[in-house]
Protein backbone atom coordinates (compact mmCIF):
# COMPACT_ATOMS: atom_id res chain seq x y z
CA MET A 1 0.00 0.00 0.00
CA SER A 2 0.96 3.63 0.36
CA VAL A 3 4.36 4.75 1.58
CA ALA A 4 5.22 8.27 2.71
CA ALA A 5 6.11 10.45 5.65
CA ASP A 6 2.60 11.09 6.96
CA GLU A 7 1.14 11.20 10.43
CA ASN A 8 -1.48 8.60 9.50
CA ILE A 9 0.91 5.98 8.20
CA GLY A 10 3.18 4.19 10.58
CA THR A 11 5.84 1.56 10.73
CA VAL A 12 6.14 -1.30 13.15
CA PRO A 13 8.94 -3.74 13.92
CA VAL A 14 9.08 -6.33 11.15
CA ARG A 15 6.29 -8.80 11.82
CA ALA A 16 6.93 -12.47 12.52
CA GLY A 17 7.25 -14.39 9.28
CA TYR A 18 8.18 -11.29 7.26
CA ASP A 19 11.71 -10.81 8.50
CA PHE A 20 14.78 -11.49 6.36
CA ASP A 21 18.56 -11.28 6.38
CA GLU A 22 19.10 -7.52 6.72
CA GLY A 23 22.83 -7.92 6.28
CA ALA A 24 22.32 -9.60 2.92
CA LEU A 25 20.04 -6.76 1.85
CA ALA A 26 22.59 -4.15 2.92
CA ARG A 27 25.32 -5.90 0.92
CA TRP A 28 23.03 -6.04 -2.15
CA MET A 29 22.21 -2.33 -1.84
CA GLU A 30 25.82 -1.35 -1.32
CA ALA A 31 26.80 -3.14 -4.53
CA ARG A 32 23.95 -1.79 -6.68
CA ILE A 33 22.53 1.48 -5.34
CA GLU A 34 24.55 4.60 -5.89
CA GLY A 35 25.00 6.64 -2.73
CA PHE A 36 23.99 3.87 -0.33
CA SER A 37 26.14 3.87 2.77
CA GLY A 38 26.01 3.52 6.52
CA SER A 39 24.05 1.31 8.85
CA LEU A 40 20.63 0.08 7.72
CA THR A 41 17.48 0.04 9.87
CA VAL A 42 14.47 -1.94 8.63
CA GLU A 43 10.86 -1.39 9.70
CA GLN A 44 7.63 -2.66 8.18
CA PHE A 45 4.82 -0.40 7.05
CA LYS A 46 1.36 -1.12 8.42
CA GLY A 47 0.00 -0.95 4.88
CA GLY A 48 0.70 -3.35 2.03
CA GLN A 49 -2.32 -5.60 1.57
CA SER A 50 -0.60 -7.82 -0.98
CA ASN A 51 3.11 -7.15 -1.16
CA PRO A 52 4.90 -6.53 2.18
CA THR A 53 6.42 -3.06 2.24
CA TYR A 54 9.33 -1.88 4.37
CA LYS A 55 11.01 1.39 5.30
CA LEU A 56 14.79 1.27 4.96
CA THR A 57 16.61 4.01 6.86
CA THR A 58 20.27 4.97 6.57
CA PRO A 59 22.05 8.00 8.04
CA GLY A 60 21.80 9.81 4.71
CA ARG A 61 18.40 8.90 3.27
CA SER A 62 15.41 6.58 3.42
CA TYR A 63 14.21 4.03 0.91
CA VAL A 64 11.18 1.80 0.46
CA LEU A 65 11.38 -1.92 -0.27
CA ARG A 66 8.48 -3.93 -1.71
CA ARG A 67 8.73 -7.68 -1.98
CA LYS A 68 6.72 -10.74 -2.84
CA PRO A 69 5.31 -12.25 0.35
CA PRO A 70 6.73 -15.49 1.67
CA GLY A 71 4.69 -18.67 1.50
CA GLN A 72 2.25 -20.17 -1.01
CA LEU A 73 1.34 -17.70 -3.76
CA LEU A 74 -1.33 -17.81 -6.44
CA ARG A 75 0.05 -18.14 -9.96
CA GLY A 76 0.63 -14.73 -11.58
CA ALA A 77 0.08 -12.78 -8.38
CA HIS A 78 2.58 -10.43 -6.65
CA ALA A 79 4.50 -9.60 -9.84
CA ILE A 80 6.68 -6.94 -8.27
CA GLU A 81 8.91 -6.96 -11.36
CA ARG A 82 5.98 -5.39 -13.28
CA GLU A 83 5.74 -2.64 -10.68
CA ALA A 84 9.43 -1.91 -11.11
CA GLN A 85 9.10 -1.87 -14.89
CA VAL A 86 6.27 0.65 -14.93
CA LEU A 87 7.98 2.90 -12.36
CA GLN A 88 11.06 3.09 -14.54
CA ALA A 89 9.05 3.76 -17.71
CA LEU A 90 6.93 6.53 -16.20
CA ALA A 91 9.86 8.29 -14.56
CA ALA A 92 11.38 8.64 -18.03
CA VAL A 93 8.43 10.83 -19.13
CA SER A 94 8.27 12.82 -15.85
CA PHE A 95 5.07 11.23 -14.62
CA PRO A 96 4.97 11.51 -10.79
CA VAL A 97 6.33 8.24 -9.39
CA ALA A 98 8.96 7.32 -6.83
CA ARG A 99 12.43 6.77 -8.28
CA LEU A 100 13.29 3.10 -8.76
CA ARG A 101 16.70 2.21 -7.34
CA GLY A 102 16.96 -1.49 -8.12
CA LEU A 103 15.13 -4.78 -8.74
CA CYS A 104 16.28 -8.14 -7.36
CA THR A 105 15.03 -11.39 -8.90
CA ASP A 106 17.34 -13.59 -6.84
CA ASP A 107 15.45 -15.40 -4.06
CA SER A 108 18.70 -16.09 -2.21
CA VAL A 109 19.12 -12.46 -1.07
CA ILE A 110 16.06 -12.02 1.21
CA GLY A 111 13.93 -15.05 0.27
CA THR A 112 11.68 -13.48 -2.39
CA TRP A 113 12.01 -11.02 -5.28
CA PHE A 114 11.95 -7.35 -4.32
CA TYR A 115 12.66 -3.84 -5.50
CA VAL A 116 13.90 -0.69 -3.79
CA MET A 117 12.72 2.85 -4.52
CA ASP A 118 13.18 6.27 -2.98
CA MET A 119 10.91 7.24 -0.13
CA VAL A 120 8.85 10.28 -1.10
CA GLU A 121 8.13 12.78 1.67
CA GLY A 122 4.68 14.34 1.59
CA ARG A 123 1.02 13.94 2.52
CA ILE A 124 -1.27 10.95 2.07
CA PHE A 125 -4.98 11.48 2.69
CA TRP A 126 -6.59 8.36 4.12
CA ASP A 127 -9.97 10.09 4.30
CA ALA A 128 -11.45 11.06 0.90
CA THR A 129 -13.13 14.10 2.47
CA VAL A 130 -9.60 15.48 3.02
CA PRO A 131 -10.08 16.88 6.53
CA ARG A 132 -7.91 19.61 8.03
CA VAL A 133 -7.31 21.43 4.74
CA PRO A 134 -8.99 24.64 3.56
CA ARG A 135 -12.18 24.19 1.54
CA ALA A 136 -10.64 25.75 -1.59
CA GLU A 137 -7.69 23.38 -1.42
CA ARG A 138 -9.96 20.33 -1.46
CA GLY A 139 -11.23 21.23 -4.90
CA GLN A 140 -7.65 21.71 -6.09
CA ILE A 141 -6.64 18.33 -4.67
CA PHE A 142 -9.46 16.61 -6.56
CA ASP A 143 -8.59 18.51 -9.71
CA ALA A 144 -4.97 17.40 -9.41
CA MET A 145 -6.07 13.76 -9.11
CA ASN A 146 -8.32 14.13 -12.15
CA GLU A 147 -5.63 15.79 -14.24
CA THR A 148 -2.96 13.24 -13.29
CA LEU A 149 -5.14 10.26 -14.22
CA ALA A 150 -6.12 11.91 -17.50
CA THR A 151 -2.42 12.47 -18.21
CA LEU A 152 -1.67 8.79 -17.54
CA HIS A 153 -4.40 7.71 -19.95
CA GLN A 154 -2.87 9.76 -22.75
CA ILE A 155 0.49 8.01 -22.51
CA ASP A 156 1.09 5.56 -25.35
CA PRO A 157 2.47 2.37 -23.71
CA ALA A 158 4.67 1.62 -26.72
CA ALA A 159 6.21 5.10 -26.56
CA VAL A 160 7.50 4.44 -23.03
CA GLY A 161 8.71 0.90 -23.69
CA LEU A 162 5.63 -0.87 -22.32
CA ASP A 163 4.18 -2.23 -25.57
CA GLY A 164 4.32 -5.77 -24.16
CA PHE A 165 2.97 -4.82 -20.74
CA GLY A 166 -0.50 -6.16 -21.45
CA ARG A 167 -2.68 -7.39 -24.27
CA PRO A 168 -4.58 -4.65 -26.13
CA GLY A 169 -8.34 -4.91 -26.67
CA ASN A 170 -11.05 -7.14 -25.18
CA TYR A 171 -10.13 -5.81 -21.73
CA PHE A 172 -13.41 -6.40 -19.90
CA GLN A 173 -13.81 -9.97 -21.12
CA ARG A 174 -10.29 -10.84 -20.04
CA GLN A 175 -10.59 -9.11 -16.68
CA ILE A 176 -13.95 -10.64 -15.82
CA ASP A 177 -12.57 -14.06 -16.73
CA ARG A 178 -9.40 -13.45 -14.68
CA TRP A 179 -11.05 -12.25 -11.48
CA SER A 180 -13.87 -14.78 -11.73
CA ARG A 181 -11.34 -17.56 -12.10
CA GLN A 182 -9.34 -16.28 -9.13
CA TYR A 183 -12.51 -15.90 -7.03
CA LEU A 184 -13.68 -19.44 -7.84
CA ALA A 185 -10.23 -20.96 -7.38
CA ASP A 186 -9.78 -19.63 -3.85
CA VAL A 187 -11.80 -22.32 -2.12
CA ASP A 188 -10.45 -21.30 1.28
CA ALA A 189 -12.26 -17.95 1.03
CA GLY A 190 -15.57 -19.53 -0.02
CA ARG A 191 -18.39 -18.27 -2.25
CA ASP A 192 -20.94 -15.45 -2.03
CA ALA A 193 -24.35 -15.31 -3.75
CA ASN A 194 -23.98 -11.62 -4.66
CA MET A 195 -20.65 -12.27 -6.35
CA ASP A 196 -21.98 -15.32 -8.20
CA ARG A 197 -24.91 -13.44 -9.74
CA LEU A 198 -22.81 -10.33 -10.41
CA ILE A 199 -20.41 -12.40 -12.50
CA GLU A 200 -23.35 -13.61 -14.59
CA TRP A 201 -24.71 -10.06 -14.95
CA LEU A 202 -21.36 -8.65 -16.07
CA ARG A 203 -20.94 -11.32 -18.71
CA ALA A 204 -24.46 -10.70 -20.02
CA ASN A 205 -24.19 -6.89 -20.09
CA MET A 206 -20.69 -6.31 -21.37
CA PRO A 207 -20.50 -3.38 -23.84
CA ALA A 208 -19.02 -3.93 -27.26
CA ASP A 209 -15.24 -3.79 -27.30
CA ASP A 210 -14.11 -0.41 -28.66
CA GLY A 211 -10.44 -1.40 -28.68
CA ALA A 212 -9.35 1.41 -26.37
CA SER A 213 -6.01 0.54 -24.78
CA ARG A 214 -3.80 2.68 -22.60
CA LEU A 215 -1.54 2.26 -19.61
CA ILE A 216 -3.79 2.03 -16.56
CA HIS A 217 -2.97 2.12 -12.86
CA GLY A 218 -5.53 -0.37 -11.60
CA ASP A 219 -5.79 0.99 -8.02
CA TYR A 220 -5.93 4.77 -8.41
CA ARG A 221 -7.31 6.10 -5.12
CA ILE A 222 -6.62 9.18 -3.04
CA ASP A 223 -4.80 7.06 -0.45
CA ASN A 224 -2.41 5.76 -3.11
CA ILE A 225 -1.16 9.27 -3.89
CA ILE A 226 1.48 11.41 -2.18
CA PHE A 227 0.80 15.15 -2.24
CA ASP A 228 3.21 17.97 -1.59
CA ALA A 229 3.36 18.91 2.08
CA GLU A 230 2.15 22.46 1.42
CA LYS A 231 0.50 22.54 -2.01
CA PRO A 232 -2.26 20.54 -3.77
CA ARG A 233 0.36 19.04 -6.08
CA ILE A 234 0.93 15.33 -6.66
CA LEU A 235 4.50 14.15 -5.99
CA ALA A 236 4.04 10.42 -6.58
CA VAL A 237 1.40 7.87 -7.49
CA LEU A 238 1.98 4.62 -5.59
CA ASP A 239 0.94 0.95 -5.74
CA TRP A 240 1.36 -0.05 -9.38
CA GLU A 241 0.82 -3.74 -8.63
CA LEU A 242 -2.36 -3.92 -10.76
CA SER A 243 -1.13 -1.73 -13.61
CA THR A 244 -1.44 -3.05 -17.14
CA VAL A 245 -2.42 -2.05 -20.65
CA GLY A 246 -6.19 -1.85 -20.56
CA HIS A 247 -9.29 0.26 -21.00
CA PRO A 248 -8.82 3.80 -19.64
CA LEU A 249 -12.51 4.12 -18.71
CA ALA A 250 -12.25 1.05 -16.50
CA ASP A 251 -9.40 2.76 -14.68
CA PHE A 252 -11.30 6.02 -14.37
CA ALA A 253 -14.46 4.26 -13.13
CA TYR A 254 -12.44 2.50 -10.44
CA HIS A 255 -11.25 5.91 -9.23
CA LEU A 256 -14.82 7.25 -9.50
CA MET A 257 -16.07 4.56 -7.10
CA MET A 258 -15.08 6.90 -4.27
CA TYR A 259 -18.37 8.74 -4.80
CA ARG A 260 -20.37 5.56 -4.12
CA MET A 261 -18.08 3.94 -1.57
CA PRO A 262 -18.70 4.07 2.21
CA PRO A 263 -15.57 5.32 3.98
CA LYS A 264 -15.36 2.26 6.22
CA ILE A 265 -14.57 -0.01 3.22
CA VAL A 266 -11.93 2.13 1.50
CA ALA A 267 -11.45 5.90 1.22
CA GLY A 268 -14.93 6.92 0.05
CA LEU A 269 -17.31 9.88 -0.10
CA HIS A 270 -20.68 8.16 0.16
CA GLY A 271 -22.81 9.96 2.76
CA SER A 272 -20.62 13.08 2.83
CA ASP A 273 -21.84 16.61 2.12
CA ILE A 274 -19.44 17.18 -0.75
CA ARG A 275 -20.90 20.58 -1.68
CA ARG A 276 -20.19 21.90 1.79
CA LEU A 277 -16.71 20.41 1.63
CA GLY A 278 -15.91 22.02 -1.71
CA ILE A 279 -15.52 18.68 -3.51
CA PRO A 280 -16.84 18.40 -7.09
CA THR A 281 -19.89 16.22 -7.68
CA GLU A 282 -19.57 12.92 -9.51
CA GLU A 283 -21.06 14.51 -12.64
CA GLU A 284 -18.62 17.44 -12.47
CA TYR A 285 -15.70 15.09 -11.96
CA VAL A 286 -16.70 12.97 -14.96
CA GLY A 287 -17.07 16.14 -17.03
CA ALA A 288 -13.58 17.34 -16.12
CA TYR A 289 -12.03 14.01 -17.07
CA CYS A 290 -13.92 13.94 -20.37
CA ARG A 291 -12.74 17.45 -21.26
CA ARG A 292 -9.16 16.50 -20.53
CA THR A 293 -9.31 13.32 -22.60
CA GLY A 294 -11.41 14.65 -25.47
CA ARG A 295 -14.53 12.60 -24.72
CA GLU A 296 -18.13 13.71 -25.05
CA GLY A 297 -19.26 11.45 -22.22
CA VAL A 298 -19.16 7.94 -20.73
CA PRO A 299 -22.28 6.09 -21.98
CA ASP A 300 -21.56 2.77 -20.22
CA LEU A 301 -20.48 4.30 -16.90
CA ASP A 302 -22.84 2.14 -14.79
CA PHE A 303 -21.34 -1.05 -16.22
CA TYR A 304 -17.79 0.21 -15.68
CA ILE A 305 -18.51 1.02 -12.04
CA ALA A 306 -20.29 -2.31 -11.39
CA PHE A 307 -17.31 -4.07 -12.96
CA ASN A 308 -14.91 -2.24 -10.67
CA PHE A 309 -16.91 -3.00 -7.53
CA PHE A 310 -16.76 -6.65 -8.58
CA ARG A 311 -13.02 -6.41 -9.17
CA LEU A 312 -12.39 -4.79 -5.78
CA ALA A 313 -14.54 -7.42 -4.08
CA ALA A 314 -12.50 -10.12 -5.81
CA ILE A 315 -9.29 -8.51 -4.51
CA PHE A 316 -10.67 -8.43 -0.96
CA HIS A 317 -11.78 -12.05 -1.41
CA GLY A 318 -8.18 -12.88 -2.25
CA ILE A 319 -7.05 -11.10 0.92
CA LYS A 320 -9.48 -13.28 2.87
CA GLY A 321 -7.89 -16.36 1.40
CA ARG A 322 -4.42 -15.15 2.35
CA VAL A 323 -5.58 -14.41 5.90
CA LEU A 324 -6.90 -17.95 6.20
CA ARG A 325 -3.67 -19.38 4.77
CA GLY A 326 -1.50 -17.16 6.97
CA THR A 327 0.16 -15.22 4.13
CA ALA A 328 -1.66 -11.86 4.46
CA ALA A 329 0.95 -9.10 4.42
CA SER A 330 -0.91 -6.29 6.14
CA ALA A 331 -2.01 -5.61 9.69
CA GLN A 332 -5.26 -4.26 8.17
CA ALA A 333 -6.01 -7.45 6.21
CA ARG A 334 -8.56 -8.71 8.73
CA ALA A 335 -10.40 -5.39 8.51
CA ARG A 336 -10.73 -5.92 4.75
CA VAL A 337 -12.16 -9.37 5.40
CA ALA A 338 -14.68 -7.98 7.91
CA VAL A 339 -16.26 -5.65 5.32
CA LEU A 340 -16.17 -8.17 2.47
CA PRO A 341 -19.86 -9.26 2.70
CA GLU A 342 -20.97 -5.60 2.65
CA LEU A 343 -18.69 -4.87 -0.30
CA MET A 344 -20.06 -7.82 -2.27
CA ALA A 345 -23.64 -6.69 -1.61
CA LEU A 346 -22.72 -3.15 -2.64
CA ALA A 347 -21.10 -4.49 -5.80
CA TRP A 348 -24.32 -6.22 -6.81
CA SER A 349 -26.38 -3.12 -6.02
CA GLN A 350 -24.47 -1.13 -8.65
CA THR A 351 -26.28 -3.02 -11.39
CA ARG A 352 -29.71 -1.66 -10.42
CA SER A 353 -29.56 1.45 -12.56
CA SER A 354 -28.73 -0.72 -15.57
CA ARG A 355 -31.25 -3.48 -14.94
């Protein structure tokens, strides 16, 4: 999950089962990372639902390490090498990401593959209502998020060396198949009637493939963004684990879920007086994105949002399976499991306006 110097994010001593040979890591960094020197202190961030994330502190600077979790892993999951690849590609075109320092695909160093990046100092807002900032700044914060995502969706993957990062076209069919397969395969986590009928509804109501393909983030939320400490300016977008080449409107609709999401599930605005807070309405936010990307509108928005609620529920379902198997990386994983039934019911409810 998110990594920054922020009063709402903390580190803890490395949790049992997630420790590793710190001396081996220090030797690897000394050999490969320019400027690395001095003693190394390792702490684990509380966040990191899927890939364990650590703060590495030296006398001169701090870094962040993300690794594959130890233990039994689902095939194709936790591809931290993809995260490293996209970070490097986006930095080359000045898109706001943390600087990649190195990738290790040798299990013998700390037990699993990992990468190291710079730690970005700034603000992370865990509450989508953005408390404790002036009303005018809230609107600017939302506008910065909108502009940054629109900028991402105008990047040609091939132009930044990511032409093989994902298969173009037929995105929704492939994604529904992927997450359905993962949901059904995780027998430890069980089944849910709302998810079962939502899968059928999505397959029956899929819009025609328009072939749109762009680099997408996959988990673009306000709590995955580091803002400048003083200004409504984005310094880094985090958590590229689910990034791929896909449909930009799927990515935008995932971000737009914040308007329909209760805050107790993930950072959401549902139930908030957004006018009083100075936050744009859902319709205004969609309009701003469309203007920036040259679109006249989003005709299949209800499907895109229902799809993304399903996808998020499938991700939480996977967290439940990892909790039951003892491989969940985050201290908040059990909280995700607790809200899973409500999330699955909410996912199914998104289809009502289209039924």
